[in-house]
């Protein structure tokens, strides 16, 4: 799947931008941390396969949206045009638990920078914070790809499954709400 196609679709399902403050990186940064936490919980519980891939797809959705919110395409952030070439360029290294911890740490770094944007910059996105968030998000994407690889999953398949899930929710008017089974 082309990264630009995935990002365009992910953006079309991002209803948070219509809300007050929807132009702030706060929502996607918190979502990234929350979904990364869910991935770590599933791994700790021994959950693998399709259920874990769904959570990983949600992490990818937040990465795609936050990169756009920071004025950068996901393709540029990834330095690749499609998911298969991105995954090939960033092979996994080490145990899955190490890769999951690295992803959680990098997602936390995105939130830490966003927190400072709120606290120190009055929730105004400065060029300095934008660059810092993009740098941390790039590191998060690398950690994400390494986790996908360590699990033996195909990044392209994770992106496609996430897009399919979101298309189904759009058709049924279920973008808002909680849980995977809506």
C-alpha atoms as a PDB file:
ATOM      1  CA  UNK A   1       0.000   0.000   0.000  1.00  0.00           C
ATOM      2  CA  UNK A   2       1.280   3.453  -0.805  1.00  0.00           C
ATOM      3  CA  UNK A   3       1.984   5.417   2.352  1.00  0.00           C
ATOM      4  CA  UNK A   4       0.411   8.556   0.863  1.00  0.00           C
ATOM      5  CA  UNK A   5      -2.810   6.655   0.109  1.00  0.00           C
ATOM      6  CA  UNK A   6      -3.005   5.332   3.644  1.00  0.00           C
ATOM      7  CA  UNK A   7      -2.368   8.761   5.118  1.00  0.00           C
ATOM      8  CA  UNK A   8      -5.008  10.386   2.905  1.00  0.00           C
ATOM      9  CA  UNK A   9      -7.555   7.824   4.040  1.00  0.00           C
ATOM     10  CA  UNK A  10      -6.536   8.130   7.694  1.00  0.00           C
ATOM     11  CA  UNK A  11      -6.938  11.904   7.456  1.00  0.00           C
ATOM     12  CA  UNK A  12     -10.437  11.500   6.003  1.00  0.00           C
ATOM     13  CA  UNK A  13     -11.514   9.696   9.188  1.00  0.00           C
ATOM     14  CA  UNK A  14      -9.955  12.201  11.629  1.00  0.00           C
ATOM     15  CA  UNK A  15     -13.006  13.959  13.049  1.00  0.00           C
ATOM     16  CA  UNK A  16     -11.036  15.552  15.902  1.00  0.00           C
ATOM     17  CA  UNK A  17      -9.952  18.382  13.595  1.00  0.00           C
ATOM     18  CA  UNK A  18     -13.549  19.630  13.501  1.00  0.00           C
ATOM     19  CA  UNK A  19     -13.607  20.101  17.285  1.00  0.00           C
ATOM     20  CA  UNK A  20     -12.472  23.162  19.250  1.00  0.00           C
ATOM     21  CA  UNK A  21      -8.698  22.888  19.614  1.00  0.00           C
ATOM     22  CA  UNK A  22      -8.589  20.265  16.857  1.00  0.00           C
ATOM     23  CA  UNK A  23      -5.618  21.974  15.292  1.00  0.00           C
ATOM     24  CA  UNK A  24      -3.475  21.205  18.360  1.00  0.00           C
ATOM     25  CA  UNK A  25      -1.247  18.122  18.430  1.00  0.00           C
ATOM     26  CA  UNK A  26      -2.617  17.211  21.867  1.00  0.00           C
ATOM     27  CA  UNK A  27      -5.325  14.795  20.696  1.00  0.00           C
ATOM     28  CA  UNK A  28      -3.198  12.700  18.322  1.00  0.00           C
ATOM     29  CA  UNK A  29      -0.260  12.696  20.763  1.00  0.00           C
ATOM     30  CA  UNK A  30      -2.466  11.380  23.573  1.00  0.00           C
ATOM     31  CA  UNK A  31      -4.039   8.878  21.184  1.00  0.00           C
ATOM     32  CA  UNK A  32      -0.608   7.667  20.108  1.00  0.00           C
ATOM     33  CA  UNK A  33       0.399   7.085  23.725  1.00  0.00           C
ATOM     34  CA  UNK A  34      -2.907   5.415  24.564  1.00  0.00           C
ATOM     35  CA  UNK A  35      -2.831   3.029  21.615  1.00  0.00           C
ATOM     36  CA  UNK A  36       0.832   2.218  22.251  1.00  0.00           C
ATOM     37  CA  UNK A  37      -0.138   1.365  25.818  1.00  0.00           C
ATOM     38  CA  UNK A  38      -2.862  -0.944  24.492  1.00  0.00           C
ATOM     39  CA  UNK A  39      -0.300  -2.688  22.261  1.00  0.00           C
ATOM     40  CA  UNK A  40       1.970  -3.220  25.265  1.00  0.00           C
ATOM     41  CA  UNK A  41      -0.944  -4.557  27.342  1.00  0.00           C
ATOM     42  CA  UNK A  42      -1.899  -7.016  24.619  1.00  0.00           C
ATOM     43  CA  UNK A  43       1.694  -8.206  24.330  1.00  0.00           C
ATOM     44  CA  UNK A  44       1.919  -8.612  28.116  1.00  0.00           C
ATOM     45  CA  UNK A  45      -1.290 -10.669  28.021  1.00  0.00           C
ATOM     46  CA  UNK A  46       0.110 -12.864  25.234  1.00  0.00           C
ATOM     47  CA  UNK A  47      -2.288 -11.557  22.618  1.00  0.00           C
ATOM     48  CA  UNK A  48      -0.942 -11.883  19.084  1.00  0.00           C
ATOM     49  CA  UNK A  49      -2.324 -12.146  15.567  1.00  0.00           C
ATOM     50  CA  UNK A  50      -5.264 -10.166  14.246  1.00  0.00           C
ATOM     51  CA  UNK A  51      -6.249  -8.643  17.592  1.00  0.00           C
ATOM     52  CA  UNK A  52      -2.758  -7.227  18.115  1.00  0.00           C
ATOM     53  CA  UNK A  53      -2.555  -6.118  14.480  1.00  0.00           C
ATOM     54  CA  UNK A  54      -5.735  -4.051  14.995  1.00  0.00           C
ATOM     55  CA  UNK A  55      -4.093  -2.140  17.832  1.00  0.00           C
ATOM     56  CA  UNK A  56      -0.941  -1.660  15.773  1.00  0.00           C
ATOM     57  CA  UNK A  57      -3.084  -0.238  12.969  1.00  0.00           C
ATOM     58  CA  UNK A  58      -4.483   2.291  15.428  1.00  0.00           C
ATOM     59  CA  UNK A  59      -0.928   3.352  16.361  1.00  0.00           C
ATOM     60  CA  UNK A  60      -0.197   3.865  12.672  1.00  0.00           C
ATOM     61  CA  UNK A  61      -3.356   5.998  12.316  1.00  0.00           C
ATOM     62  CA  UNK A  62      -2.169   8.372  15.029  1.00  0.00           C
ATOM     63  CA  UNK A  63       1.325   8.576  13.542  1.00  0.00           C
ATOM     64  CA  UNK A  64      -0.184   9.410  10.131  1.00  0.00           C
ATOM     65  CA  UNK A  65      -2.458  12.100  11.537  1.00  0.00           C
ATOM     66  CA  UNK A  66       0.100  13.687  13.822  1.00  0.00           C
ATOM     67  CA  UNK A  67       2.658  13.920  11.030  1.00  0.00           C
ATOM     68  CA  UNK A  68       0.081  15.781   8.925  1.00  0.00           C
ATOM     69  CA  UNK A  69      -0.760  18.040  11.873  1.00  0.00           C
ATOM     70  CA  UNK A  70       2.946  18.899  12.033  1.00  0.00           C
ATOM     71  CA  UNK A  71       2.927  19.792   8.333  1.00  0.00           C
ATOM     72  CA  UNK A  72       4.798  16.707   7.153  1.00  0.00           C
ATOM     73  CA  UNK A  73       3.644  13.854   4.963  1.00  0.00           C
ATOM     74  CA  UNK A  74       4.007  10.373   6.360  1.00  0.00           C
ATOM     75  CA  UNK A  75       5.977   9.421   3.224  1.00  0.00           C
ATOM     76  CA  UNK A  76       8.490  12.164   3.945  1.00  0.00           C
ATOM     77  CA  UNK A  77       8.688  11.209   7.611  1.00  0.00           C
ATOM     78  CA  UNK A  78       9.220   7.568   6.634  1.00  0.00           C
ATOM     79  CA  UNK A  79      11.556   8.416   3.772  1.00  0.00           C
ATOM     80  CA  UNK A  80       9.667   5.814   1.723  1.00  0.00           C
ATOM     81  CA  UNK A  81       6.790   5.657  -0.755  1.00  0.00           C
ATOM     82  CA  UNK A  82       5.209   2.391   0.347  1.00  0.00           C
ATOM     83  CA  UNK A  83       4.997   0.332   3.496  1.00  0.00           C
ATOM     84  CA  UNK A  84       6.859  -2.703   2.149  1.00  0.00           C
ATOM     85  CA  UNK A  85       9.971  -0.672   1.306  1.00  0.00           C
ATOM     86  CA  UNK A  86       9.774   1.078   4.695  1.00  0.00           C
ATOM     87  CA  UNK A  87       9.623  -2.234   6.522  1.00  0.00           C
ATOM     88  CA  UNK A  88      12.490  -3.645   4.466  1.00  0.00           C
ATOM     89  CA  UNK A  89      14.638  -0.619   5.325  1.00  0.00           C
ATOM     90  CA  UNK A  90      14.003  -0.940   9.067  1.00  0.00           C
ATOM     91  CA  UNK A  91      14.329  -4.582  10.066  1.00  0.00           C
ATOM     92  CA  UNK A  92      13.504  -5.530  13.623  1.00  0.00           C
ATOM     93  CA  UNK A  93      16.250  -6.017  16.112  1.00  0.00           C
ATOM     94  CA  UNK A  94      16.072  -7.910  19.353  1.00  0.00           C
ATOM     95  CA  UNK A  95      13.162  -9.294  21.289  1.00  0.00           C
ATOM     96  CA  UNK A  96       9.572  -8.209  20.849  1.00  0.00           C
ATOM     97  CA  UNK A  97       9.482  -6.981  24.451  1.00  0.00           C
ATOM     98  CA  UNK A  98      12.449  -4.680  23.774  1.00  0.00           C
ATOM     99  CA  UNK A  99      10.798  -3.358  20.622  1.00  0.00           C
ATOM    100  CA  UNK A 100       7.528  -2.721  22.491  1.00  0.00           C
ATOM    101  CA  UNK A 101       9.328  -0.860  25.260  1.00  0.00           C
ATOM    102  CA  UNK A 102      11.157   1.242  22.691  1.00  0.00           C
ATOM    103  CA  UNK A 103       7.842   2.115  20.981  1.00  0.00           C
ATOM    104  CA  UNK A 104       6.265   3.066  24.322  1.00  0.00           C
ATOM    105  CA  UNK A 105       9.259   5.239  25.181  1.00  0.00           C
ATOM    106  CA  UNK A 106       9.185   7.029  21.838  1.00  0.00           C
ATOM    107  CA  UNK A 107       5.424   7.620  22.018  1.00  0.00           C
ATOM    108  CA  UNK A 108       5.946   8.974  25.532  1.00  0.00           C
ATOM    109  CA  UNK A 109       8.576  11.344  24.165  1.00  0.00           C
ATOM    110  CA  UNK A 110       6.012  12.742  21.698  1.00  0.00           C
ATOM    111  CA  UNK A 111       3.625  13.338  24.613  1.00  0.00           C
ATOM    112  CA  UNK A 112       6.367  14.925  26.710  1.00  0.00           C
ATOM    113  CA  UNK A 113       7.104  17.472  23.985  1.00  0.00           C
ATOM    114  CA  UNK A 114       3.380  18.110  23.490  1.00  0.00           C
ATOM    115  CA  UNK A 115       2.967  18.658  27.230  1.00  0.00           C
ATOM    116  CA  UNK A 116       5.652  21.339  27.081  1.00  0.00           C
ATOM    117  CA  UNK A 117       3.872  22.935  24.131  1.00  0.00           C
ATOM    118  CA  UNK A 118       0.808  23.308  26.361  1.00  0.00           C
ATOM    119  CA  UNK A 119       2.687  24.328  29.513  1.00  0.00           C
ATOM    120  CA  UNK A 120       5.424  26.554  28.087  1.00  0.00           C
ATOM    121  CA  UNK A 121       4.001  27.813  24.793  1.00  0.00           C
ATOM    122  CA  UNK A 122       0.366  28.406  25.712  1.00  0.00           C
ATOM    123  CA  UNK A 123      -0.678  25.567  23.363  1.00  0.00           C
ATOM    124  CA  UNK A 124       0.748  27.530  20.397  1.00  0.00           C
ATOM    125  CA  UNK A 125       2.754  25.376  18.042  1.00  0.00           C
ATOM    126  CA  UNK A 126       6.118  27.050  17.571  1.00  0.00           C
ATOM    127  CA  UNK A 127       8.581  26.027  14.873  1.00  0.00           C
ATOM    128  CA  UNK A 128      10.891  24.681  17.574  1.00  0.00           C
ATOM    129  CA  UNK A 129       8.188  22.427  19.042  1.00  0.00           C
ATOM    130  CA  UNK A 130       7.013  21.327  15.601  1.00  0.00           C
ATOM    131  CA  UNK A 131      10.532  20.198  14.706  1.00  0.00           C
ATOM    132  CA  UNK A 132      10.918  18.453  18.074  1.00  0.00           C
ATOM    133  CA  UNK A 133       7.596  16.630  17.674  1.00  0.00           C
ATOM    134  CA  UNK A 134       8.474  15.572  14.123  1.00  0.00           C
ATOM    135  CA  UNK A 135      11.848  14.266  15.276  1.00  0.00           C
ATOM    136  CA  UNK A 136      10.265  12.252  18.091  1.00  0.00           C
ATOM    137  CA  UNK A 137       7.524  11.051  15.732  1.00  0.00           C
ATOM    138  CA  UNK A 138      10.137   9.859  13.252  1.00  0.00           C
ATOM    139  CA  UNK A 139      11.807   7.889  16.049  1.00  0.00           C
ATOM    140  CA  UNK A 140       8.379   6.507  16.984  1.00  0.00           C
ATOM    141  CA  UNK A 141       7.779   5.348  13.420  1.00  0.00           C
ATOM    142  CA  UNK A 142      11.132   3.546  13.370  1.00  0.00           C
ATOM    143  CA  UNK A 143      10.311   1.856  16.701  1.00  0.00           C
ATOM    144  CA  UNK A 144       6.854   0.932  15.358  1.00  0.00           C
ATOM    145  CA  UNK A 145       8.348  -0.676  12.243  1.00  0.00           C
ATOM    146  CA  UNK A 146      10.861  -2.605  14.314  1.00  0.00           C
ATOM    147  CA  UNK A 147       8.080  -3.933  16.529  1.00  0.00           C
ATOM    148  CA  UNK A 148       6.024  -4.975  13.487  1.00  0.00           C
ATOM    149  CA  UNK A 149       9.063  -6.801  12.114  1.00  0.00           C
ATOM    150  CA  UNK A 150       9.920  -8.484  15.428  1.00  0.00           C
ATOM    151  CA  UNK A 151       6.361  -9.852  15.519  1.00  0.00           C
ATOM    152  CA  UNK A 152       6.719 -11.274  12.008  1.00  0.00           C
ATOM    153  CA  UNK A 153       3.868  -9.072  10.769  1.00  0.00           C
ATOM    154  CA  UNK A 154       3.618  -7.346   7.427  1.00  0.00           C
ATOM    155  CA  UNK A 155       3.349  -3.560   7.741  1.00  0.00           C
ATOM    156  CA  UNK A 156       1.401  -3.320   4.501  1.00  0.00           C
ATOM    157  CA  UNK A 157      -1.158  -5.823   5.813  1.00  0.00           C
ATOM    158  CA  UNK A 158      -1.478  -3.902   9.105  1.00  0.00           C
ATOM    159  CA  UNK A 159      -2.146  -0.657   7.182  1.00  0.00           C
ATOM    160  CA  UNK A 160      -4.676  -2.348   4.861  1.00  0.00           C
ATOM    161  CA  UNK A 161      -6.514  -3.969   7.770  1.00  0.00           C
ATOM    162  CA  UNK A 162      -6.695  -0.630   9.589  1.00  0.00           C
ATOM    163  CA  UNK A 163      -8.061   1.086   6.477  1.00  0.00           C
ATOM    164  CA  UNK A 164     -10.630  -1.705   6.021  1.00  0.00           C
ATOM    165  CA  UNK A 165     -11.754  -1.379   9.648  1.00  0.00           C
ATOM    166  CA  UNK A 166     -12.135   2.380   9.290  1.00  0.00           C
ATOM    167  CA  UNK A 167     -14.015   2.075   5.976  1.00  0.00           C
ATOM    168  CA  UNK A 168     -16.470  -0.264   7.664  1.00  0.00           C
ATOM    169  CA  UNK A 169     -16.946   2.173  10.537  1.00  0.00           C
ATOM    170  CA  UNK A 170     -17.467   5.056   8.108  1.00  0.00           C
ATOM    171  CA  UNK A 171     -20.155   3.124   6.206  1.00  0.00           C
ATOM    172  CA  UNK A 172     -21.932   2.347   9.472  1.00  0.00           C
ATOM    173  CA  UNK A 173     -21.503   5.832  10.945  1.00  0.00           C
ATOM    174  CA  UNK A 174     -19.399   4.441  13.804  1.00  0.00           C
ATOM    175  CA  UNK A 175     -16.200   6.502  13.686  1.00  0.00           C
ATOM    176  CA  UNK A 176     -16.950   7.880  17.172  1.00  0.00           C
ATOM    177  CA  UNK A 177     -17.123   5.591  20.159  1.00  0.00           C
ATOM    178  CA  UNK A 178     -15.071   3.122  22.139  1.00  0.00           C
ATOM    179  CA  UNK A 179     -13.645  -0.278  21.412  1.00  0.00           C
ATOM    180  CA  UNK A 180     -12.832  -2.314  18.357  1.00  0.00           C
ATOM    181  CA  UNK A 181     -16.263  -3.910  18.021  1.00  0.00           C
ATOM    182  CA  UNK A 182     -18.410  -0.971  17.040  1.00  0.00           C
END
